[in-house]
């Protein structure tokens, strides 16, 4: 089993995807923010892919929230989070005013959808 957090970064013209694998812990917040700081300024959407994460400690959600806050404050851009567990596949979208939510509604209330497998 992978224990240390590993990452890879894919950057396109307007978006970037940060793939994480291994154990995500609270102490990963600052290294991940530093990594995001180095993404070119023209990139406005960050997608965080947690499919490869094998373990989460108590501070893992703090790390994710910290990364979302940092991205919003530094870029004013969108943020997408994808994760899976043994039973749930979900995508969370922080939509901008002109972006439609995952389920196609415009009411701004549908922020998380899931599918049990």
Protein backbone atom coordinates (compact mmCIF):
# COMPACT_ATOMS: atom_id res chain seq x y z
CA UNK A 1 0.00 0.00 0.00
CA UNK A 2 1.20 3.52 -0.80
CA UNK A 3 1.54 5.67 2.31
CA UNK A 4 3.30 8.92 1.34
CA UNK A 5 1.36 11.38 -0.79
CA UNK A 6 2.41 11.45 -4.42
CA UNK A 7 1.20 13.87 -7.06
CA UNK A 8 1.24 14.64 -10.74
CA UNK A 9 0.02 17.79 -12.43
CA UNK A 10 -1.58 18.18 -15.85
CA UNK A 11 -1.91 21.73 -17.17
CA UNK A 12 -3.84 22.97 -20.19
CA UNK A 13 -4.46 26.52 -21.36
CA UNK A 14 -7.25 27.37 -18.88
CA UNK A 15 -7.34 24.47 -16.41
CA UNK A 16 -5.12 22.16 -14.42
CA UNK A 17 -5.67 18.74 -12.86
CA UNK A 18 -3.76 17.75 -9.75
CA UNK A 19 -3.74 13.97 -9.32
CA UNK A 20 -3.02 12.72 -5.79
CA UNK A 21 -2.16 9.19 -4.69
CA UNK A 22 -1.27 7.64 -1.34
CA UNK A 23 -2.17 9.02 2.09
CA UNK A 24 -3.60 12.54 2.30
CA UNK A 25 -2.94 14.16 5.67
CA UNK A 26 -3.38 17.57 7.25
CA UNK A 27 0.31 18.37 6.84
CA UNK A 28 -0.09 18.22 3.03
CA UNK A 29 -1.93 21.57 2.90
CA UNK A 30 1.11 23.83 2.57
CA UNK A 31 3.05 21.70 0.05
CA UNK A 32 -0.08 21.44 -2.14
CA UNK A 33 -0.67 25.20 -1.95
CA UNK A 34 2.97 25.81 -2.96
CA UNK A 35 2.48 23.48 -5.90
CA UNK A 36 -0.65 25.37 -6.98
CA UNK A 37 1.13 28.70 -6.64
CA UNK A 38 3.48 27.59 -9.43
CA UNK A 39 0.62 26.92 -11.87
CA UNK A 40 0.60 29.61 -14.60
CA UNK A 41 -1.66 32.60 -13.85
CA UNK A 42 -3.81 32.05 -16.97
CA UNK A 43 -5.18 28.83 -15.47
CA UNK A 44 -8.51 29.56 -13.78
CA UNK A 45 -9.94 26.09 -13.06
CA UNK A 46 -8.27 23.54 -10.80
CA UNK A 47 -9.46 19.95 -10.69
CA UNK A 48 -8.29 17.87 -7.73
CA UNK A 49 -8.43 14.15 -8.50
CA UNK A 50 -8.36 11.94 -5.38
CA UNK A 51 -9.04 8.60 -7.07
CA UNK A 52 -5.55 7.38 -6.10
CA UNK A 53 -5.79 8.39 -2.45
CA UNK A 54 -5.60 5.28 -0.30
CA UNK A 55 -5.93 6.82 3.17
CA UNK A 56 -7.23 10.02 4.76
CA UNK A 57 -6.31 11.20 8.25
CA UNK A 58 -8.38 13.53 10.43
CA UNK A 59 -6.77 16.60 8.83
CA UNK A 60 -7.30 15.55 5.21
CA UNK A 61 -10.54 17.50 4.77
CA UNK A 62 -8.83 20.55 6.26
CA UNK A 63 -6.17 20.18 3.57
CA UNK A 64 -8.81 20.08 0.83
CA UNK A 65 -10.69 23.08 2.26
CA UNK A 66 -7.43 25.00 2.56
CA UNK A 67 -6.60 24.28 -1.07
CA UNK A 68 -10.07 25.38 -2.21
CA UNK A 69 -9.81 28.63 -0.23
CA UNK A 70 -6.32 29.30 -1.56
CA UNK A 71 -7.43 28.74 -5.16
CA UNK A 72 -10.48 30.99 -4.79
CA UNK A 73 -8.51 33.78 -3.13
CA UNK A 74 -5.51 33.67 -5.45
CA UNK A 75 -7.26 32.97 -8.78
CA UNK A 76 -10.93 33.73 -8.32
CA UNK A 77 -11.44 30.65 -10.45
CA UNK A 78 -13.37 27.42 -10.40
CA UNK A 79 -12.54 24.32 -8.43
CA UNK A 80 -13.51 20.72 -9.16
CA UNK A 81 -13.03 17.81 -6.79
CA UNK A 82 -13.36 14.17 -7.82
CA UNK A 83 -13.10 11.25 -5.45
CA UNK A 84 -14.26 7.68 -5.05
CA UNK A 85 -14.63 5.18 -2.28
CA UNK A 86 -15.66 1.55 -2.46
CA UNK A 87 -19.30 2.61 -2.68
CA UNK A 88 -19.45 6.20 -3.90
CA UNK A 89 -18.29 8.10 -6.95
CA UNK A 90 -18.84 11.86 -6.70
CA UNK A 91 -17.78 15.13 -8.23
CA UNK A 92 -18.09 18.45 -6.42
CA UNK A 93 -18.12 21.60 -8.54
CA UNK A 94 -17.65 25.13 -7.26
CA UNK A 95 -19.46 26.79 -10.14
CA UNK A 96 -18.99 30.33 -11.36
CA UNK A 97 -21.97 32.49 -12.23
CA UNK A 98 -21.98 31.38 -15.86
CA UNK A 99 -21.26 27.70 -15.22
CA UNK A 100 -24.07 25.15 -14.87
CA UNK A 101 -24.09 22.78 -11.95
CA UNK A 102 -23.47 19.06 -12.36
CA UNK A 103 -27.12 18.08 -12.58
CA UNK A 104 -27.87 20.80 -15.14
CA UNK A 105 -29.84 23.01 -12.75
CA UNK A 106 -29.24 26.72 -12.45
CA UNK A 107 -30.48 27.12 -8.88
CA UNK A 108 -26.99 26.87 -7.38
CA UNK A 109 -28.12 24.26 -4.83
CA UNK A 110 -26.92 21.07 -6.55
CA UNK A 111 -23.27 21.07 -5.61
CA UNK A 112 -22.68 17.35 -5.12
CA UNK A 113 -23.97 14.38 -7.05
CA UNK A 114 -23.09 10.77 -6.51
CA UNK A 115 -23.58 7.35 -7.97
CA UNK A 116 -23.37 4.16 -5.94
CA UNK A 117 -21.50 1.32 -7.63
